[in-house]
Structures are given as structure tokens and as C-alpha cells.
Amino acid sequence: MKTGKSLRNFFAPSAQEHQPDRWFLVAAGALLLIGLVMLSSASSVVSYAKYGNTYHYFFRQLFAAALGLGAFFVFYKLDYRLWRRYAVWALFASIFLLVLVFIPGLRSEHGTAHSWIILFGQSLQPSEFVKLSFLIYLATWLEAKKGQLNEAASGIIPFLSSLVVISALMMAQPDMGTLFIILFAAFAAFFVAGGKFSHIVLTVILGAFSLALLLYASSSYQSDRFKCYQDPSYDSQEECYQISQSLIAVGSGGWLGRGLGQSRQKFMYLPEVWGDSIFPIIAEEVGFIFSAFLILLYGLLFYRGFKIARYAPDIYGSALATGIMAWLAVQTFFNIGGMINLIPMTGVPLPFISAGGSSILSTLMAIGLLANISKHTKYGRS
């Protein structure tokens, strides 16, 4: 009873606020709980094989989620407009975090990418925090440029100049999946703040053309992913192995699934079942109906989040909320779409569900920030 009363008091709005968006919080909380349950099942075999403990990944995620909830409460309680004061520092922090992965002794390589660092024996992915810190800077800059964003000299050109620095550091890692998420979120924020649509379209066309040339000339794993997207049987035992096994897992789940804990693909057939590949295990174990429900739950989160952005009281809040929801929406699409071969695989985690302390921590910080914005929206109680 005391715990329930304390929580009610915590979520109670001040005199200048109204109740936060309940459906938004319900959707986020449900996704977090589902993620913990499914991670416990999906990672059990590989956890035991690698660490002798069936719940290794689950306990790590549980600890990260606890830290994330603490961060959520901080961002929920503090007025979102407070972060404007630290916008320039947020930009410097974004660049600093991305530079850390190139420092010998700190960086940790996973496969072909070195997007991680080791601090106090723990692995962190700085780019996960850059998603939020850069958006805080960008939203502040967009509000300051109110009414000037339609002009190239004061709008798209300085906007792109900051993106070029972030993009160069991301491509050097390389972490193309996270880079696309940051770019998508940034352009979404730029558009809702008043950026000229034709400038965005021209920039996207030029960027897509440059990317196509880069992939055509490259023999790297990025070009192999496009080949596997076109034909998963192109090299099903090597380059296309993950997508081939993913499609087997999804297809074998049927309508109702094999049963929670009954996946066969998690027995060392499908790589990264605790991370990028967790959705195929969900589809295999609990089937199409629950997987569809999970996607609808994401849809509810995105709908309520974009509603918060639409009715935010200022450009800063609207741009920030739009950027955050664009980040989470496109990351969810990249993960699930890549696992079922709707798009080439990008290697990004599924928000709330994939294992990863950096990912769950940054996600819950962003959710707390959005929940705070929702207390100031114009549509009142929801």
C-alpha cells in the first residue's frame, strides 16, 4: 500500500502540469516486461553454453533495466525544458562519446565493427547515448532558428554541417544501422520544426545516390547484406546464414508457436538470439498472433508518442519528441524488417526487448523525457 501511494505521489503532476499520457506509459511498461520474459527464454541456451548460467543475459538485462528505470524517473521528474541549457554540452558529449571508440585500451571490437568501449569491465555502446544527446542539441538549435529554416543558408546547410561530423564518426566505426536511425530522427525533427521539405528530399536523394555508389564499389559486409536481401540463398551457409535461419524460425512458429521456451533455433542455430535476432525466437515460440500483438503494442507506443509531439507546447518539445519517436519507430522497423527480410539486415537491437545495457538505458531515458513532455501537452488529460 505504501509503495502504491509513493508511486501515485511520484506521478502526480505539479500545479503547472497535468497527468502524463497513461497509454504511452502502459505501452512502454508492457514492452519492457515482455522483453524481460522473452529474453529469459531466448538467451537461456547460449547463456548456459557460454557462462554456465541459464540466466546470465537475463540478469544483466534486469540490472540494466533497473538502472534505466532510475534514469526514467529522473528524466520524468525534471522539466524537459531544463535540458536546453546544456544543448551545446550535449553536442560536445555526442562527439566525445563517438571518439572514445577509437582510443586503444577503451575500444572493444565485435565482428567487423568497433562501436563499443570497455569501462570498469563493462561493455558500453556510446552511439546509443548519442541518439538522445544529439537530439537534445538539435531540438534546441531548431527552436533558436524558428522562422529561418526555410532558407538554405540558415536552415539545411548548418543543419547538415553538424550531421556531417556525427556521420563521419559513425561511418568510421562502422555502424551504418545506428547512423541511419540518427539521420532519420534528425530529419524528422528538422521537418516538424519548419524545415523546407524540398531541401530534405534533395538531401535524401543525393545521400541515397552516394550510398548506392559506395555499396556498388564496396566488397564489404554491407554489400553482402544487400545481396542476401535480394536472395537469402545466395550464400546460406556463410554471409546469408543469419537471415536464412531467421526465416526458418519465423516460419516454423505458425499461428500459436511451439510454446514458450520451446524454440529450436536458439540451440546455436540462429546467431545473436539474445540481441538482434530475438524477434524470430519470439515468433517461433509464441507464434504469429502474439507477434502481431507485440507489433500493435509498438504501434500504440508510437501513436501516443507522436501525439505528444504534435501537441507539445513549443517547437523544442515538438522537435525533441518527434526525433525520439522517429528513432524508436525506425529502429523497430529496421530490426523486425531485417529479421523477416523486408529490408536488408542492419544489426540494430529491438527496443525494450534485445539484450544490451546501453540500449535499454538510453531508451528508458528517452521515454522518461517524453513522459515529461506529455505532462505539458495542450490536449490535457489522456
Protein backbone atom coordinates (compact mmCIF):
# COMPACT_ATOMS: atom_id res chain seq x y z
CA MET A 1 0.00 0.00 0.00
CA LYS A 2 2.80 2.41 0.88
CA THR A 3 4.62 1.55 -2.35
CA GLY A 4 1.48 2.20 -4.41
CA LYS A 5 0.89 5.52 -2.66
CA SER A 6 4.52 6.55 -3.21
CA LEU A 7 4.24 5.79 -6.93
CA ARG A 8 0.98 7.76 -7.19
CA ASN A 9 2.64 10.70 -5.46
CA PHE A 10 5.63 10.45 -7.77
CA PHE A 11 3.50 10.53 -10.91
CA ALA A 12 1.21 13.26 -9.54
CA PRO A 13 1.57 16.43 -11.64
CA SER A 14 2.53 19.81 -10.25
CA ALA A 15 0.26 22.84 -10.44
CA GLN A 16 1.57 23.75 -13.92
CA GLU A 17 1.18 20.22 -15.31
CA HIS A 18 -1.48 17.61 -15.99
CA GLN A 19 -1.38 13.83 -15.82
CA PRO A 20 1.12 12.13 -18.16
CA ASP A 21 -0.11 10.12 -21.14
CA ARG A 22 -1.18 6.88 -19.43
CA TRP A 23 -1.44 4.80 -22.60
CA PHE A 24 2.07 5.80 -23.59
CA LEU A 25 3.39 4.65 -20.21
CA VAL A 26 1.33 1.45 -20.29
CA ALA A 27 2.69 0.53 -23.73
CA ALA A 28 6.29 1.22 -22.68
CA GLY A 29 5.89 -0.76 -19.45
CA ALA A 30 4.30 -3.71 -21.23
CA LEU A 31 7.10 -3.82 -23.82
CA LEU A 32 9.71 -3.77 -21.06
CA LEU A 33 8.07 -6.68 -19.21
CA ILE A 34 7.56 -8.71 -22.38
CA GLY A 35 11.17 -8.07 -23.29
CA LEU A 36 12.45 -9.46 -19.99
CA VAL A 37 10.31 -12.59 -20.27
CA MET A 38 11.25 -13.30 -23.88
CA LEU A 39 14.94 -12.56 -23.30
CA SER A 40 14.96 -15.04 -20.42
CA SER A 41 13.69 -17.73 -22.79
CA ALA A 42 15.60 -16.81 -25.94
CA SER A 43 19.00 -16.48 -24.26
CA SER A 44 18.83 -19.48 -21.92
CA VAL A 45 20.77 -21.95 -24.08
CA VAL A 46 23.58 -19.65 -25.15
CA SER A 47 23.81 -18.24 -21.61
CA TYR A 48 24.42 -21.71 -20.22
CA ALA A 49 26.82 -22.66 -23.01
CA LYS A 50 28.97 -19.54 -22.63
CA TYR A 51 28.71 -18.78 -18.92
CA GLY A 52 27.35 -21.90 -17.22
CA ASN A 53 24.34 -19.88 -16.07
CA THR A 54 20.98 -20.13 -17.83
CA TYR A 55 20.02 -16.62 -16.77
CA HIS A 56 23.26 -14.71 -17.45
CA TYR A 57 21.83 -12.38 -20.12
CA PHE A 58 18.54 -12.08 -18.26
CA PHE A 59 20.17 -10.95 -15.01
CA ARG A 60 22.37 -8.47 -16.86
CA GLN A 61 19.34 -7.05 -18.62
CA LEU A 62 17.39 -6.94 -15.37
CA PHE A 63 20.19 -4.92 -13.77
CA ALA A 64 20.35 -2.58 -16.78
CA ALA A 65 16.57 -2.19 -16.72
CA ALA A 66 16.71 -1.26 -13.02
CA LEU A 67 19.30 1.43 -13.80
CA GLY A 68 17.18 2.50 -16.76
CA LEU A 69 14.08 2.88 -14.59
CA GLY A 70 16.09 5.08 -12.23
CA ALA A 71 17.11 7.22 -15.21
CA PHE A 72 13.49 7.21 -16.42
CA PHE A 73 12.30 8.65 -13.10
CA VAL A 74 14.95 11.40 -13.24
CA PHE A 75 14.01 12.43 -16.79
CA TYR A 76 10.31 12.11 -15.97
CA LYS A 77 10.53 14.42 -12.97
CA LEU A 78 12.80 17.14 -14.40
CA ASP A 79 11.14 19.68 -16.65
CA TYR A 80 12.14 18.80 -20.23
CA ARG A 81 12.97 22.47 -20.92
CA LEU A 82 15.82 22.25 -18.40
CA TRP A 83 17.93 20.31 -20.90
CA ARG A 84 18.02 23.29 -23.28
CA ARG A 85 20.62 24.89 -21.01
CA TYR A 86 23.01 22.06 -21.77
CA ALA A 87 22.43 21.85 -25.55
CA VAL A 88 25.97 22.78 -26.58
CA TRP A 89 27.39 20.39 -23.99
CA ALA A 90 25.10 17.70 -25.40
CA LEU A 91 26.67 18.22 -28.84
CA PHE A 92 30.20 18.07 -27.42
CA ALA A 93 29.21 14.96 -25.45
CA SER A 94 27.91 13.33 -28.66
CA ILE A 95 31.20 13.90 -30.46
CA PHE A 96 33.27 12.89 -27.42
CA LEU A 97 31.35 9.63 -26.99
CA LEU A 98 31.86 8.70 -30.63
CA VAL A 99 35.59 9.46 -30.44
CA LEU A 100 36.03 7.13 -27.45
CA VAL A 101 35.61 4.01 -29.60
CA PHE A 102 38.85 4.85 -31.45
CA ILE A 103 41.00 5.06 -28.31
CA PRO A 104 43.21 1.97 -27.82
CA GLY A 105 42.59 0.35 -24.47
CA LEU A 106 38.99 1.55 -24.37
CA ARG A 107 37.55 0.25 -27.61
CA SER A 108 36.11 -3.23 -27.94
CA GLU A 109 35.56 -4.81 -31.33
CA HIS A 110 32.58 -7.03 -32.16
CA GLY A 111 32.89 -8.61 -35.57
CA THR A 112 33.73 -6.01 -38.22
CA ALA A 113 32.66 -3.01 -36.13
CA HIS A 114 34.32 -1.30 -33.16
CA SER A 115 31.33 0.55 -31.74
CA TRP A 116 31.86 -0.43 -28.10
CA ILE A 117 34.10 0.63 -25.26
CA ILE A 118 35.07 -1.13 -22.04
CA LEU A 119 34.70 0.87 -18.81
CA PHE A 120 35.29 -0.77 -15.43
CA GLY A 121 34.98 -4.17 -17.07
CA GLN A 122 31.59 -3.36 -18.62
CA SER A 123 30.83 -3.02 -22.33
CA LEU A 124 29.09 0.19 -23.42
CA GLN A 125 27.93 1.36 -26.84
CA PRO A 126 28.37 5.17 -26.93
CA SER A 127 26.24 5.63 -30.07
CA GLU A 128 23.16 4.56 -28.10
CA PHE A 129 23.50 7.64 -25.89
CA VAL A 130 24.35 9.87 -28.86
CA LYS A 131 20.84 9.29 -30.19
CA LEU A 132 19.43 11.24 -27.24
CA SER A 133 22.21 13.76 -26.59
CA PHE A 134 22.34 14.86 -30.23
CA LEU A 135 18.56 15.22 -30.39
CA ILE A 136 18.62 17.48 -27.31
CA TYR A 137 21.16 19.73 -29.04
CA LEU A 138 19.30 19.62 -32.36
CA ALA A 139 15.89 20.46 -30.87
CA THR A 140 17.40 23.46 -29.07
CA TRP A 141 19.08 24.68 -32.27
CA LEU A 142 15.88 24.22 -34.29
CA GLU A 143 13.89 26.31 -31.82
CA ALA A 144 16.53 29.05 -31.94
CA LYS A 145 16.27 29.08 -35.75
CA LYS A 146 12.48 29.45 -35.73
CA GLY A 147 11.31 31.12 -38.94
CA GLN A 148 14.73 30.78 -40.63
CA LEU A 149 14.74 27.08 -41.51
CA ASN A 150 13.24 27.58 -44.98
CA GLU A 151 16.38 29.43 -46.08
CA ALA A 152 19.25 27.22 -47.18
CA ALA A 153 21.94 29.41 -45.60
CA SER A 154 20.30 29.42 -42.18
CA GLY A 155 18.49 26.09 -42.39
CA ILE A 156 19.60 22.98 -44.25
CA ILE A 157 23.28 23.94 -44.63
CA PRO A 158 24.13 24.47 -40.93
CA PHE A 159 21.83 21.54 -40.10
CA LEU A 160 23.84 19.27 -42.38
CA SER A 161 27.17 20.58 -41.10
CA SER A 162 26.51 19.14 -37.63
CA LEU A 163 25.23 15.90 -39.14
CA VAL A 164 28.38 15.52 -41.25
CA VAL A 165 30.56 15.38 -38.14
CA ILE A 166 28.35 12.76 -36.47
CA SER A 167 28.02 10.78 -39.71
CA ALA A 168 31.76 10.70 -40.35
CA LEU A 169 32.45 9.31 -36.88
CA MET A 170 29.67 6.73 -37.23
CA MET A 171 30.85 5.57 -40.66
CA ALA A 172 34.41 5.19 -39.38
CA GLN A 173 33.27 2.63 -36.79
CA PRO A 174 31.36 1.50 -39.00
CA ASP A 175 27.83 1.46 -37.58
CA MET A 176 25.57 2.13 -40.54
CA GLY A 177 22.38 0.93 -38.86
CA THR A 178 22.65 3.38 -35.96
CA LEU A 179 23.73 6.13 -38.35
CA PHE A 180 20.56 5.70 -40.42
CA ILE A 181 18.47 5.88 -37.24
CA ILE A 182 20.15 9.13 -36.15
CA LEU A 183 19.76 10.63 -39.64
CA PHE A 184 16.09 9.66 -39.86
CA ALA A 185 15.35 11.07 -36.40
CA ALA A 186 17.25 14.28 -37.17
CA PHE A 187 15.44 14.90 -40.46
CA ALA A 188 12.07 14.19 -38.82
CA ALA A 189 12.83 16.77 -36.12
CA PHE A 190 14.05 19.25 -38.77
CA PHE A 191 10.83 18.85 -40.77
CA VAL A 192 8.39 19.36 -37.87
CA ALA A 193 10.36 22.40 -36.70
CA GLY A 194 9.73 24.10 -40.04
CA GLY A 195 12.45 22.79 -42.34
CA LYS A 196 11.75 23.02 -46.06
CA PHE A 197 10.50 19.70 -47.45
CA SER A 198 12.19 20.18 -50.83
CA HIS A 199 15.56 20.65 -49.10
CA ILE A 200 15.03 17.37 -47.23
CA VAL A 201 14.04 15.49 -50.39
CA LEU A 202 17.06 16.78 -52.33
CA THR A 203 19.41 15.87 -49.49
CA VAL A 204 17.93 12.36 -49.18
CA ILE A 205 18.22 11.76 -52.94
CA LEU A 206 21.85 12.86 -53.00
CA GLY A 207 22.59 10.77 -49.89
CA ALA A 208 20.91 7.67 -51.34
CA PHE A 209 22.81 8.07 -54.61
CA SER A 210 26.12 8.38 -52.74
CA LEU A 211 25.30 5.33 -50.63
CA ALA A 212 24.43 3.30 -53.73
CA LEU A 213 27.79 4.18 -55.29
CA LEU A 214 29.58 3.29 -52.06
CA LEU A 215 27.88 -0.11 -51.85
CA TYR A 216 28.47 -0.83 -55.52
CA ALA A 217 32.18 -0.16 -55.18
CA SER A 218 32.49 -1.98 -51.88
CA SER A 219 33.17 -5.64 -51.23
CA SER A 220 32.41 -5.23 -47.53
CA TYR A 221 29.78 -6.90 -45.41
CA GLN A 222 27.31 -4.06 -46.14
CA SER A 223 27.16 -5.02 -49.82
CA ASP A 224 26.84 -8.70 -48.86
CA ARG A 225 23.77 -7.83 -46.77
CA PHE A 226 22.11 -6.32 -49.83
CA LYS A 227 22.88 -9.46 -51.80
CA CYS A 228 21.36 -11.61 -49.03
CA TYR A 229 18.29 -9.37 -49.00
CA GLN A 230 17.82 -9.94 -52.73
CA ASP A 231 18.39 -13.69 -52.42
CA PRO A 232 18.82 -15.35 -48.97
CA SER A 233 20.05 -18.50 -50.72
CA TYR A 234 22.94 -16.53 -52.28
CA ASP A 235 25.26 -17.87 -49.55
CA SER A 236 23.03 -19.53 -46.96
CA GLN A 237 25.93 -21.15 -45.08
CA GLU A 238 28.08 -18.05 -44.72
CA GLU A 239 27.06 -14.46 -45.45
CA CYS A 240 23.30 -15.19 -45.54
CA TYR A 241 23.29 -17.72 -42.72
CA GLN A 242 21.65 -15.44 -40.15
CA ILE A 243 18.77 -14.32 -42.36
CA SER A 244 18.22 -17.90 -43.59
CA GLN A 245 17.95 -19.23 -40.04
CA SER A 246 15.81 -16.25 -39.03
CA LEU A 247 13.27 -17.02 -41.75
CA ILE A 248 13.20 -20.67 -40.67
CA ALA A 249 12.46 -19.62 -37.07
CA VAL A 250 9.68 -17.22 -38.07
CA GLY A 251 8.10 -19.71 -40.48
CA SER A 252 8.17 -22.62 -38.03
CA GLY A 253 6.26 -20.69 -35.35
CA GLY A 254 2.91 -20.86 -37.13
CA TRP A 255 -0.11 -19.14 -35.61
CA LEU A 256 0.44 -20.07 -31.97
CA GLY A 257 4.12 -21.01 -31.82
CA ARG A 258 5.94 -24.04 -30.45
CA GLY A 259 5.43 -22.84 -26.88
CA LEU A 260 7.34 -20.51 -24.57
CA GLY A 261 10.83 -21.90 -24.07
CA GLN A 262 10.47 -24.44 -26.90
CA SER A 263 12.50 -22.75 -29.65
CA ARG A 264 14.82 -24.96 -31.65
CA GLN A 265 16.70 -22.19 -33.39
CA LYS A 266 18.05 -20.87 -30.09
CA PHE A 267 20.10 -24.08 -29.80
CA MET A 268 23.07 -22.43 -31.53
CA TYR A 269 21.47 -22.36 -34.98
CA LEU A 270 20.42 -18.70 -35.13
CA PRO A 271 23.20 -16.24 -34.16
CA GLU A 272 22.62 -13.37 -31.70
CA VAL A 273 19.36 -14.76 -30.28
CA TRP A 274 19.78 -12.52 -27.22
CA GLY A 275 20.29 -9.43 -29.35
CA ASP A 276 19.44 -8.56 -32.93
CA SER A 277 17.76 -11.92 -33.63
CA ILE A 278 15.38 -12.10 -30.69
CA PHE A 279 12.24 -11.38 -32.73
CA PRO A 280 12.49 -14.63 -34.77
CA ILE A 281 12.70 -16.57 -31.49
CA ILE A 282 9.58 -14.76 -30.25
CA ALA A 283 7.78 -15.67 -33.48
CA GLU A 284 8.93 -19.27 -33.20
CA GLU A 285 7.93 -19.72 -29.56
CA VAL A 286 4.68 -17.76 -29.29
CA GLY A 287 3.62 -17.58 -32.93
CA PHE A 288 2.13 -15.10 -35.35
CA ILE A 289 -0.78 -13.96 -33.16
CA PHE A 290 1.37 -12.84 -30.23
CA SER A 291 4.00 -11.39 -32.59
CA ALA A 292 1.25 -9.32 -34.23
CA PHE A 293 0.10 -8.20 -30.77
CA LEU A 294 3.67 -7.17 -29.97
CA ILE A 295 3.84 -5.07 -33.13
CA LEU A 296 0.48 -3.48 -32.27
CA LEU A 297 1.88 -2.62 -28.85
CA TYR A 298 4.75 -0.84 -30.54
CA GLY A 299 2.18 0.88 -32.74
CA LEU A 300 0.32 2.14 -29.66
CA LEU A 301 3.57 3.49 -28.21
CA PHE A 302 4.42 5.29 -31.46
CA TYR A 303 0.91 6.68 -31.90
CA ARG A 304 0.79 8.12 -28.40
CA GLY A 305 4.36 9.37 -28.70
CA PHE A 306 3.73 11.23 -31.93
CA LYS A 307 0.55 12.64 -30.39
CA ILE A 308 2.69 14.02 -27.57
CA ALA A 309 4.97 15.57 -30.20
CA ARG A 310 2.07 17.10 -32.08
CA TYR A 311 0.59 18.81 -29.01
CA ALA A 312 3.84 19.79 -27.31
CA PRO A 313 3.69 23.42 -26.12
CA ASP A 314 6.79 24.62 -28.01
CA ILE A 315 9.00 23.85 -31.01
CA TYR A 316 11.71 22.46 -28.78
CA GLY A 317 9.38 19.90 -27.19
CA SER A 318 7.78 19.01 -30.52
CA ALA A 319 11.10 18.52 -32.33
CA LEU A 320 12.59 16.56 -29.42
CA ALA A 321 9.55 14.26 -29.06
CA THR A 322 9.35 13.73 -32.82
CA GLY A 323 13.03 12.87 -33.02
CA ILE A 324 12.79 10.37 -30.17
CA MET A 325 9.73 8.65 -31.59
CA ALA A 326 11.23 8.58 -35.09
CA TRP A 327 14.35 6.96 -33.59
CA LEU A 328 12.36 4.24 -31.78
CA ALA A 329 9.97 3.65 -34.69
CA VAL A 330 12.62 3.32 -37.38
CA GLN A 331 14.84 1.18 -35.13
CA THR A 332 11.93 -1.19 -34.51
CA PHE A 333 11.23 -1.33 -38.25
CA PHE A 334 14.91 -1.91 -39.06
CA ASN A 335 15.15 -4.80 -36.60
CA ILE A 336 11.90 -6.62 -37.38
CA GLY A 337 12.04 -5.77 -41.09
CA GLY A 338 15.58 -7.09 -41.33
CA MET A 339 14.70 -10.31 -39.49
CA ILE A 340 11.84 -11.14 -41.86
CA ASN A 341 13.75 -9.89 -44.94
CA LEU A 342 11.56 -6.89 -45.70
CA ILE A 343 14.76 -4.83 -45.77
CA PRO A 344 18.49 -5.66 -45.59
CA MET A 345 19.68 -6.56 -42.09
CA THR A 346 21.10 -3.62 -40.18
CA GLY A 347 22.26 -5.18 -36.92
CA VAL A 348 20.35 -2.87 -34.55
CA PRO A 349 18.66 -4.06 -31.34
CA LEU A 350 14.89 -4.32 -30.90
CA PRO A 351 13.91 -1.53 -28.46
CA PHE A 352 12.91 -2.73 -24.96
CA ILE A 353 13.50 -6.39 -25.87
CA SER A 354 17.01 -7.14 -27.18
CA ALA A 355 19.73 -7.56 -24.57
CA GLY A 356 22.00 -4.55 -24.21
CA GLY A 357 22.52 -2.29 -21.24
CA SER A 358 23.33 0.80 -23.33
CA SER A 359 20.23 0.32 -25.46
CA ILE A 360 17.74 -0.19 -22.63
CA LEU A 361 19.26 2.64 -20.58
CA SER A 362 19.12 5.20 -23.40
CA THR A 363 15.62 4.04 -24.38
CA LEU A 364 14.21 4.47 -20.88
CA MET A 365 15.87 7.87 -20.54
CA ALA A 366 14.13 8.93 -23.76
CA ILE A 367 10.80 7.51 -22.57
CA GLY A 368 11.10 9.47 -19.32
CA LEU A 369 11.78 12.65 -21.28
CA LEU A 370 8.75 12.05 -23.49
CA ALA A 371 6.58 11.32 -20.48
CA ASN A 372 7.60 14.67 -19.02
CA ILE A 373 6.72 16.46 -22.26
CA SER A 374 3.33 14.71 -22.16
CA LYS A 375 2.57 16.46 -18.85
CA HIS A 376 2.75 19.81 -20.65
CA THR A 377 0.82 18.98 -23.82
CA LYS A 378 -2.12 21.07 -24.97
CA TYR A 379 -4.58 18.16 -25.14
CA GLY A 380 -4.60 17.81 -21.34
CA ARG A 381 -5.54 14.55 -19.66
CA SER A 382 -5.39 11.44 -21.82
